[in-house]
Amino acid sequence: MRYTYDTGGAVCAHSIDIVIDDESKLISEVVFHGGCPGNHLGIAALVKGMTPEEVIKRLSGIRCGGRSTSCPAQLAEALKGAAAK
């Protein structure tokens, strides 16, 4: 399953593409568009091979500076949306 999520909450990335393997139900690819490439490549590498539920559990609620959300938290929100489809 391929899913694109438009971020909210004034984070650096403006969208996130996610691929979840239909058979294993594991995350096989994450691509952030916009923002800090190094951090986003690191996040993508760390979550590859994980279940969406584990990523949601680990990344939900993370804040960036004075913002109420962050790029990692937006990935968790994206995965919640993907699970609903």
Foldseek 3Di string as FASTA:
>chain_A
DWFKAQFDQPEFFGIKIWDADPVVQATAFIDTHGDDVVVRVVVGVVRHRPHLVVLLVPQAQDDDPPTRHYPSNRSNVRSVVVVVD
